[in-house]
Protein backbone atom coordinates (compact mmCIF):
# COMPACT_ATOMS: atom_id res chain seq x y z
CA MET A 1 11.62 4.22 -14.68
CA GLU A 2 11.71 7.91 -14.65
CA ASN A 3 8.93 10.12 -12.84
CA LEU A 4 7.81 6.96 -10.56
CA LYS A 5 6.14 8.04 -7.47
CA ILE A 6 5.94 5.64 -4.68
CA ARG A 7 3.41 6.35 -1.89
CA ARG A 8 1.03 4.63 0.57
CA ALA A 9 -2.04 3.21 -1.02
CA VAL A 10 -5.38 4.61 -0.32
CA GLU A 11 -8.73 3.26 -0.83
CA SER A 12 -9.16 4.69 -4.40
CA ASP A 13 -6.30 2.60 -5.47
CA MET A 14 -8.36 -0.71 -4.80
CA GLU A 15 -9.65 -1.13 -8.29
CA VAL A 16 -6.04 -1.35 -9.76
CA ILE A 17 -4.78 -3.18 -6.68
CA ASN A 18 -7.31 -5.89 -7.24
CA LYS A 19 -6.25 -6.04 -10.92
CA LEU A 20 -2.88 -6.93 -9.89
CA LEU A 21 -3.88 -9.20 -7.10
CA TYR A 22 -5.60 -11.18 -10.04
CA GLN A 23 -2.44 -11.17 -12.17
CA VAL A 24 -0.32 -12.59 -9.12
CA LEU A 25 -2.86 -15.35 -8.57
CA LYS A 26 -2.88 -16.28 -12.29
CA VAL A 27 0.93 -16.82 -12.02
CA HIS A 28 0.39 -19.20 -8.98
CA SER A 29 -2.79 -20.85 -10.15
CA ASP A 30 -1.23 -21.43 -13.58
CA ALA A 31 2.08 -23.00 -11.98
CA ARG A 32 0.33 -25.01 -9.09
CA PRO A 33 -3.56 -25.31 -9.86
CA ASP A 34 -3.46 -28.01 -7.11
CA LEU A 35 -2.95 -25.14 -4.39
CA PHE A 36 -4.49 -22.23 -6.06
CA LYS A 37 -7.86 -21.36 -7.30
CA ALA A 38 -7.89 -19.78 -10.82
CA GLY A 39 -9.73 -16.49 -11.32
CA THR A 40 -9.45 -15.49 -7.62
CA LYS A 41 -7.52 -13.02 -5.42
CA LYS A 42 -5.77 -13.15 -2.25
CA TYR A 43 -7.79 -10.48 -0.47
CA GLY A 44 -11.64 -9.71 -0.57
CA ASP A 45 -12.57 -5.84 -0.72
CA GLU A 46 -13.28 -5.51 3.02
CA GLU A 47 -10.18 -7.15 3.99
CA LEU A 48 -8.25 -5.04 1.67
CA LYS A 49 -9.58 -1.90 2.92
CA ALA A 50 -8.54 -3.09 6.25
CA ILE A 51 -5.14 -3.65 5.05
CA ILE A 52 -4.78 -0.14 3.37
CA ALA A 53 -5.96 1.52 6.83
CA ASP A 54 -3.51 -0.69 8.90
CA ASP A 55 -0.01 0.87 9.83
CA HIS A 56 1.34 -2.69 10.90
CA ARG A 57 0.33 -3.61 7.16
CA PRO A 58 1.41 -0.91 4.88
CA ILE A 59 0.81 -1.25 1.05
CA PHE A 60 2.94 0.83 -1.05
CA VAL A 61 2.09 1.64 -4.60
CA ALA A 62 4.10 2.92 -7.57
CA GLU A 63 2.35 5.22 -10.19
CA LYS A 64 3.64 7.24 -13.16
CA ASP A 65 1.29 9.90 -14.46
CA GLY A 66 -1.37 8.86 -12.16
CA THR A 67 -1.51 5.29 -13.03
CA VAL A 68 -0.67 2.80 -10.54
CA LEU A 69 1.95 0.26 -11.90
CA GLY A 70 2.73 -2.03 -8.94
CA TYR A 71 2.35 -2.60 -5.53
CA ALA A 72 4.32 -3.92 -2.23
CA PHE A 73 2.09 -5.40 0.43
CA CYS A 74 4.34 -5.28 3.66
CA VAL A 75 3.68 -6.45 7.30
CA HIS A 76 5.31 -5.84 10.44
CA GLN A 77 6.68 -8.96 12.37
CA GLN A 78 8.14 -8.96 15.68
CA TYR A 79 8.26 -11.81 18.49
CA ILE A 80 8.61 -9.98 21.84
CA ASP A 81 9.38 -12.09 24.69
CA ASN A 82 9.16 -15.40 22.56
CA ASN A 83 10.57 -18.65 24.11
CA ASN A 84 13.23 -18.92 21.14
CA MET A 85 13.20 -15.95 18.88
CA THR A 86 14.87 -12.76 19.43
CA ASP A 87 12.66 -9.77 19.23
CA ILE A 88 13.99 -8.19 16.20
CA LYS A 89 11.69 -6.10 13.87
CA THR A 90 10.95 -7.73 10.59
CA LEU A 91 9.38 -6.11 7.53
CA TYR A 92 7.93 -8.98 5.59
CA ILE A 93 6.99 -8.46 2.08
CA ASP A 94 3.75 -10.27 1.76
CA ASP A 95 3.26 -9.57 -2.00
CA LEU A 96 5.02 -7.49 -4.66
CA CYS A 97 3.40 -7.13 -8.19
CA VAL A 98 4.26 -5.11 -11.17
CA ASP A 99 1.62 -4.76 -13.83
CA GLU A 100 2.50 -6.96 -16.55
CA THR A 101 2.36 -4.19 -19.09
CA ALA A 102 5.14 -2.34 -17.02
CA ARG A 103 7.47 -5.23 -16.44
CA ASN A 104 11.25 -4.78 -17.20
CA ALA A 105 10.94 -1.01 -16.61
CA HIS A 106 12.53 -1.31 -13.22
CA VAL A 107 9.36 -0.58 -11.35
CA GLY A 108 9.76 -3.63 -9.11
CA ARG A 109 13.36 -2.77 -8.22
CA GLN A 110 12.08 0.86 -7.23
CA LEU A 111 9.43 -0.42 -5.17
CA TYR A 112 11.64 -3.03 -3.35
CA GLU A 113 14.42 -0.19 -2.76
CA TYR A 114 11.58 1.90 -1.47
CA VAL A 115 10.52 -0.76 1.14
CA LEU A 116 14.25 -1.16 2.09
CA ASN A 117 14.72 2.66 2.82
CA PHE A 118 11.35 2.57 4.72
CA ALA A 119 12.34 -0.30 6.85
CA ARG A 120 15.70 1.30 7.53
CA GLU A 121 14.03 4.53 8.72
CA GLN A 122 11.66 2.60 10.74
CA GLY A 123 14.50 0.78 12.62
CA TYR A 124 13.73 -2.75 11.23
CA TYR A 125 16.44 -5.29 11.42
CA ASN A 126 15.73 -6.97 8.03
CA VAL A 127 13.26 -7.20 5.22
CA THR A 128 11.95 -10.75 4.18
CA LEU A 129 9.62 -12.37 1.62
CA ASN A 130 8.60 -15.76 0.36
CA VAL A 131 8.63 -16.94 -3.26
CA TRP A 132 7.28 -19.90 -4.63
CA ALA A 133 9.86 -22.19 -6.41
CA ASP A 134 7.51 -22.47 -9.64
CA ASN A 135 7.83 -18.84 -9.91
CA GLY A 136 11.33 -18.70 -11.81
CA ASN A 137 10.93 -15.07 -12.98
CA ALA A 138 10.35 -13.92 -9.42
CA VAL A 139 13.21 -16.05 -8.08
CA LYS A 140 15.58 -14.62 -10.66
CA PHE A 141 14.47 -11.13 -10.00
CA TYR A 142 14.86 -11.32 -6.24
CA GLU A 143 18.23 -12.93 -6.60
CA LYS A 144 19.31 -9.93 -8.66
CA LEU A 145 18.22 -7.63 -5.96
CA GLY A 146 20.67 -9.36 -3.60
CA LEU A 147 18.20 -11.44 -1.61
CA LYS A 148 19.50 -14.61 -0.21
CA ILE A 149 17.54 -17.90 0.69
CA GLN A 150 16.67 -17.74 4.59
CA LYS A 151 14.75 -20.79 4.76
CA ILE A 152 13.22 -23.47 2.42
CA GLY A 153 9.85 -24.86 2.54
CA MET A 154 9.46 -28.32 1.22
CA GLU A 155 6.52 -30.67 0.65
CA LYS A 156 5.70 -34.30 -0.45
CA ILE A 157 2.36 -34.64 -2.40
CA LEU A 158 0.54 -37.63 -1.21
């Protein structure tokens, strides 16, 4: 998408970020209503304000003509002096969402590439994320971007 600007989120972006958080949760609650509560979002407003202000948890937003079309929530991770883990710096993508009206316009790809460049510039070793197996569109999207499986979470419902 041309004329797409990617920047750090600010508090005035909260309304549209909340709208997108609801969209993400709907995908999850539709696929796994046993785990996710329908009609909710991942973060409350006070928690979202704190995340926006936290340099260890940057949120990047993609906007075109003043309208936010997507976001990437990121989290700095590093295990210093851990007993069994090396102390590499990882930038974890906690959540990446593109508004349902702007999908298939390469907004997600541009957000992801922005996060990769940010991570490189900041000296991170890798960028990681989790994706729910039931979210087939997201799995295909991340595979197209060149991501590979790092670990697999498994469950047995009782």
